[in-house]
N, C-alpha and C. Protein backbone atom coordinates (compact mmCIF):
# COMPACT_ATOMS: atom_id res chain seq x y z
N MET A 1 -19.94 13.11 -32.98
CA MET A 1 -19.21 11.86 -33.00
C MET A 1 -20.07 10.83 -33.75
N LYS A 2 -19.42 10.02 -34.53
CA LYS A 2 -20.13 9.00 -35.30
C LYS A 2 -20.66 7.90 -34.39
N PRO A 3 -21.77 7.27 -34.79
CA PRO A 3 -22.32 6.18 -33.97
C PRO A 3 -21.31 5.07 -33.70
N ARG A 4 -20.46 4.80 -34.66
CA ARG A 4 -19.45 3.74 -34.48
C ARG A 4 -18.48 4.13 -33.37
N GLY A 5 -18.09 5.39 -33.32
CA GLY A 5 -17.17 5.87 -32.29
C GLY A 5 -17.80 5.81 -30.90
N ILE A 6 -19.07 6.17 -30.84
CA ILE A 6 -19.78 6.10 -29.56
C ILE A 6 -19.87 4.67 -29.08
N PHE A 7 -20.18 3.75 -30.00
CA PHE A 7 -20.27 2.33 -29.64
C PHE A 7 -18.93 1.84 -29.11
N CYS A 8 -17.84 2.19 -29.79
CA CYS A 8 -16.51 1.73 -29.36
C CYS A 8 -16.15 2.29 -27.98
N LEU A 9 -16.48 3.55 -27.75
CA LEU A 9 -16.18 4.15 -26.44
C LEU A 9 -17.00 3.53 -25.33
N SER A 10 -18.24 3.16 -25.63
CA SER A 10 -19.06 2.54 -24.59
C SER A 10 -18.68 1.08 -24.38
N LEU A 11 -18.10 0.44 -25.37
CA LEU A 11 -17.69 -0.95 -25.26
C LEU A 11 -16.37 -1.11 -24.51
N LEU A 12 -15.52 -0.11 -24.58
CA LEU A 12 -14.19 -0.18 -23.97
C LEU A 12 -14.22 -0.49 -22.48
N PRO A 13 -15.01 0.22 -21.64
CA PRO A 13 -15.04 -0.12 -20.21
C PRO A 13 -15.51 -1.54 -19.95
N ALA A 14 -16.47 -2.02 -20.74
CA ALA A 14 -16.97 -3.38 -20.54
C ALA A 14 -15.87 -4.40 -20.84
N LEU A 15 -15.10 -4.16 -21.89
CA LEU A 15 -14.01 -5.08 -22.22
C LEU A 15 -12.92 -5.06 -21.15
N LEU A 16 -12.61 -3.88 -20.66
CA LEU A 16 -11.60 -3.78 -19.60
C LEU A 16 -12.06 -4.49 -18.34
N LEU A 17 -13.32 -4.32 -18.00
CA LEU A 17 -13.87 -4.95 -16.81
C LEU A 17 -13.94 -6.47 -16.96
N ALA A 18 -14.20 -6.95 -18.16
CA ALA A 18 -14.28 -8.40 -18.40
C ALA A 18 -12.93 -9.07 -18.16
N GLY A 19 -11.85 -8.35 -18.33
CA GLY A 19 -10.51 -8.91 -18.12
C GLY A 19 -10.08 -8.93 -16.67
N CYS A 20 -10.92 -8.43 -15.77
CA CYS A 20 -10.59 -8.38 -14.35
C CYS A 20 -11.14 -9.61 -13.63
N THR A 21 -10.49 -9.97 -12.53
CA THR A 21 -11.02 -11.04 -11.69
C THR A 21 -12.26 -10.52 -10.96
N GLN A 22 -13.02 -11.41 -10.36
CA GLN A 22 -14.23 -11.01 -9.63
C GLN A 22 -13.88 -10.06 -8.48
N GLU A 23 -12.79 -10.33 -7.78
CA GLU A 23 -12.37 -9.45 -6.68
C GLU A 23 -12.03 -8.06 -7.20
N GLN A 24 -11.34 -7.98 -8.33
CA GLN A 24 -11.00 -6.68 -8.91
C GLN A 24 -12.27 -5.94 -9.33
N GLN A 25 -13.23 -6.66 -9.91
CA GLN A 25 -14.50 -6.04 -10.29
C GLN A 25 -15.23 -5.51 -9.06
N ASN A 26 -15.20 -6.26 -7.96
CA ASN A 26 -15.84 -5.81 -6.72
C ASN A 26 -15.18 -4.53 -6.22
N ARG A 27 -13.87 -4.48 -6.26
CA ARG A 27 -13.16 -3.27 -5.81
C ARG A 27 -13.52 -2.08 -6.68
N ILE A 28 -13.58 -2.29 -7.99
CA ILE A 28 -13.93 -1.20 -8.90
C ILE A 28 -15.35 -0.71 -8.62
N SER A 29 -16.28 -1.64 -8.41
CA SER A 29 -17.67 -1.23 -8.14
C SER A 29 -17.77 -0.48 -6.82
N ARG A 30 -16.97 -0.85 -5.83
CA ARG A 30 -16.98 -0.14 -4.55
C ARG A 30 -16.46 1.28 -4.72
N ILE A 31 -15.45 1.45 -5.55
CA ILE A 31 -14.92 2.79 -5.81
C ILE A 31 -16.00 3.64 -6.46
N GLY A 32 -16.80 3.02 -7.35
CA GLY A 32 -17.86 3.75 -8.03
C GLY A 32 -18.93 4.27 -7.11
N VAL A 33 -19.09 3.69 -5.95
CA VAL A 33 -20.12 4.11 -5.00
C VAL A 33 -19.61 5.24 -4.11
N THR A 34 -18.34 5.49 -4.13
CA THR A 34 -17.72 6.38 -3.17
C THR A 34 -18.38 7.76 -3.06
N TRP A 35 -18.67 8.42 -4.14
CA TRP A 35 -19.17 9.79 -4.01
C TRP A 35 -20.53 10.01 -4.67
N LEU A 36 -21.33 8.99 -4.81
CA LEU A 36 -22.64 9.16 -5.43
C LEU A 36 -23.58 9.90 -4.49
N GLU A 37 -24.27 10.89 -5.02
CA GLU A 37 -25.29 11.59 -4.25
C GLU A 37 -26.64 11.27 -4.85
N GLY A 38 -27.63 11.06 -4.01
CA GLY A 38 -28.96 10.75 -4.50
C GLY A 38 -29.78 10.07 -3.43
N ASN A 39 -30.69 9.22 -3.86
CA ASN A 39 -31.57 8.49 -2.95
C ASN A 39 -31.24 7.00 -3.03
N TYR A 40 -30.93 6.41 -1.88
CA TYR A 40 -30.50 5.02 -1.84
C TYR A 40 -31.13 4.27 -0.68
N ARG A 41 -31.29 2.99 -0.88
CA ARG A 41 -31.66 2.08 0.20
C ARG A 41 -30.42 1.22 0.45
N VAL A 42 -29.89 1.29 1.65
CA VAL A 42 -28.73 0.49 2.03
C VAL A 42 -29.24 -0.61 2.94
N THR A 43 -28.93 -1.84 2.59
CA THR A 43 -29.42 -2.98 3.36
C THR A 43 -28.25 -3.79 3.87
N TYR A 44 -28.27 -4.07 5.16
CA TYR A 44 -27.29 -4.94 5.80
C TYR A 44 -27.99 -6.27 6.03
N ALA A 45 -27.38 -7.36 5.56
CA ALA A 45 -27.99 -8.68 5.72
C ALA A 45 -26.95 -9.67 6.22
N ASP A 46 -27.25 -10.29 7.35
CA ASP A 46 -26.38 -11.32 7.92
C ASP A 46 -27.29 -12.44 8.42
N GLY A 47 -27.44 -13.47 7.59
CA GLY A 47 -28.36 -14.55 7.95
C GLY A 47 -29.78 -14.04 8.00
N SER A 48 -30.46 -14.27 9.11
CA SER A 48 -31.85 -13.82 9.24
C SER A 48 -31.95 -12.36 9.70
N HIS A 49 -30.83 -11.76 10.10
CA HIS A 49 -30.83 -10.36 10.53
C HIS A 49 -30.68 -9.46 9.30
N VAL A 50 -31.72 -8.68 9.02
CA VAL A 50 -31.72 -7.76 7.87
C VAL A 50 -32.18 -6.40 8.36
N HIS A 51 -31.43 -5.36 8.02
CA HIS A 51 -31.81 -3.99 8.41
C HIS A 51 -31.56 -3.07 7.22
N SER A 52 -32.52 -2.19 6.93
CA SER A 52 -32.39 -1.27 5.81
C SER A 52 -32.52 0.17 6.28
N TRP A 53 -31.83 1.05 5.58
CA TRP A 53 -31.91 2.49 5.81
C TRP A 53 -32.14 3.16 4.48
N GLU A 54 -32.85 4.29 4.48
CA GLU A 54 -33.02 5.07 3.27
C GLU A 54 -32.23 6.36 3.40
N VAL A 55 -31.37 6.60 2.44
CA VAL A 55 -30.56 7.81 2.37
C VAL A 55 -31.23 8.69 1.32
N ILE A 56 -31.83 9.79 1.74
CA ILE A 56 -32.56 10.67 0.83
C ILE A 56 -31.73 11.94 0.61
N ASP A 57 -31.48 12.25 -0.66
CA ASP A 57 -30.64 13.40 -1.04
C ASP A 57 -29.34 13.39 -0.26
N GLY A 58 -28.72 12.24 -0.17
CA GLY A 58 -27.48 12.11 0.58
C GLY A 58 -26.42 11.40 -0.21
N LYS A 59 -25.44 10.96 0.49
CA LYS A 59 -24.26 10.36 -0.11
C LYS A 59 -23.92 9.09 0.65
N VAL A 60 -23.60 8.03 -0.08
CA VAL A 60 -23.10 6.80 0.53
C VAL A 60 -21.64 6.72 0.13
N THR A 61 -20.78 6.68 1.12
CA THR A 61 -19.34 6.68 0.87
C THR A 61 -18.76 5.33 1.28
N SER A 62 -17.80 4.87 0.50
CA SER A 62 -17.16 3.60 0.86
C SER A 62 -15.74 3.85 1.31
N GLU A 63 -15.29 2.99 2.16
CA GLU A 63 -13.90 2.99 2.61
C GLU A 63 -13.41 1.56 2.40
N PRO A 64 -13.06 1.20 1.13
CA PRO A 64 -12.70 -0.18 0.82
C PRO A 64 -11.54 -0.72 1.65
N GLU A 65 -10.59 0.14 1.99
CA GLU A 65 -9.44 -0.33 2.78
C GLU A 65 -9.88 -0.84 4.14
N LYS A 66 -10.89 -0.20 4.70
CA LYS A 66 -11.40 -0.61 6.02
C LYS A 66 -12.59 -1.56 5.90
N GLY A 67 -13.19 -1.64 4.69
CA GLY A 67 -14.29 -2.57 4.46
C GLY A 67 -15.66 -2.08 4.89
N TYR A 68 -15.89 -0.76 4.86
CA TYR A 68 -17.17 -0.22 5.32
C TYR A 68 -17.78 0.77 4.33
N TYR A 69 -19.12 0.81 4.33
CA TYR A 69 -19.87 1.92 3.76
C TYR A 69 -20.26 2.80 4.93
N PHE A 70 -20.32 4.10 4.73
CA PHE A 70 -20.85 4.96 5.77
C PHE A 70 -21.71 6.06 5.16
N PHE A 71 -22.69 6.49 5.94
CA PHE A 71 -23.68 7.45 5.46
C PHE A 71 -24.46 8.00 6.65
N TRP A 72 -25.22 9.06 6.38
CA TRP A 72 -26.08 9.68 7.39
C TRP A 72 -27.53 9.43 7.01
N VAL A 73 -28.37 9.12 8.00
CA VAL A 73 -29.81 8.95 7.78
C VAL A 73 -30.58 9.81 8.77
N ARG A 74 -31.81 10.14 8.40
CA ARG A 74 -32.70 10.88 9.30
C ARG A 74 -33.77 9.94 9.82
N LYS A 75 -33.97 10.00 11.14
CA LYS A 75 -35.03 9.20 11.76
C LYS A 75 -35.61 10.01 12.91
N ASN A 76 -36.92 10.21 12.88
CA ASN A 76 -37.61 11.00 13.91
C ASN A 76 -36.99 12.38 14.09
N GLY A 77 -36.62 13.01 12.98
CA GLY A 77 -36.07 14.36 13.03
C GLY A 77 -34.61 14.46 13.44
N LYS A 78 -33.97 13.35 13.72
CA LYS A 78 -32.56 13.36 14.11
C LYS A 78 -31.71 12.71 13.02
N ARG A 79 -30.47 13.14 12.95
CA ARG A 79 -29.52 12.54 11.99
C ARG A 79 -28.66 11.52 12.71
N TYR A 80 -28.48 10.37 12.06
CA TYR A 80 -27.67 9.30 12.62
C TYR A 80 -26.59 8.90 11.63
N TYR A 81 -25.40 8.68 12.14
CA TYR A 81 -24.28 8.19 11.34
C TYR A 81 -24.33 6.66 11.36
N VAL A 82 -24.26 6.04 10.18
CA VAL A 82 -24.34 4.59 10.08
C VAL A 82 -23.11 4.08 9.33
N GLN A 83 -22.57 2.99 9.82
CA GLN A 83 -21.42 2.34 9.19
C GLN A 83 -21.78 0.86 9.03
N THR A 84 -21.69 0.33 7.81
CA THR A 84 -22.02 -1.08 7.58
C THR A 84 -20.88 -1.76 6.84
N PRO A 85 -20.63 -3.03 7.10
CA PRO A 85 -19.57 -3.74 6.39
C PRO A 85 -19.94 -3.94 4.91
N ILE A 86 -18.99 -3.67 4.03
CA ILE A 86 -19.22 -3.81 2.60
C ILE A 86 -19.62 -5.24 2.24
N ALA A 87 -18.97 -6.21 2.86
CA ALA A 87 -19.20 -7.61 2.50
C ALA A 87 -20.63 -8.08 2.77
N ARG A 88 -21.34 -7.43 3.69
CA ARG A 88 -22.70 -7.88 4.04
C ARG A 88 -23.77 -6.83 3.73
N SER A 89 -23.42 -5.88 2.87
CA SER A 89 -24.36 -4.80 2.56
C SER A 89 -24.55 -4.67 1.06
N TYR A 90 -25.72 -4.19 0.69
CA TYR A 90 -25.93 -3.86 -0.72
C TYR A 90 -26.72 -2.57 -0.81
N ILE A 91 -26.54 -1.89 -1.94
CA ILE A 91 -27.10 -0.56 -2.13
C ILE A 91 -27.99 -0.57 -3.36
N GLU A 92 -29.19 -0.01 -3.21
CA GLU A 92 -30.12 0.12 -4.33
C GLU A 92 -30.45 1.59 -4.51
N GLU A 93 -30.48 2.05 -5.74
CA GLU A 93 -30.93 3.41 -5.99
C GLU A 93 -32.45 3.40 -5.98
N ILE A 94 -33.05 4.37 -5.30
CA ILE A 94 -34.51 4.43 -5.25
C ILE A 94 -34.96 5.72 -5.94
N PRO A 95 -36.17 5.72 -6.50
CA PRO A 95 -36.66 6.92 -7.19
C PRO A 95 -36.81 8.09 -6.22
N SER A 96 -36.68 9.29 -6.74
CA SER A 96 -36.86 10.49 -5.92
C SER A 96 -38.28 10.54 -5.39
N PRO A 97 -38.43 10.99 -4.12
CA PRO A 97 -39.79 11.07 -3.54
C PRO A 97 -40.61 12.18 -4.18
């Protein structure tokens, strides 16, 4: 494929996203998180209350209709199911250990 074609194909999603409202962009970004597998730090922040979890070789799934992210974490050899509200949470990709 020619460099010009590659540039046009990579520019198309950005142009489509630019035409969306902020709420639509948020919904699209939440959909993008739905099935990602890898290493993530999920942080819930509500005022001074902040709690983080690390998801290693796992998946963070979103349920935009219900407004939650959910995932499994390991702590002290046990697995725990965690559900956090999308509106007060953010996800960071972390390097592989």
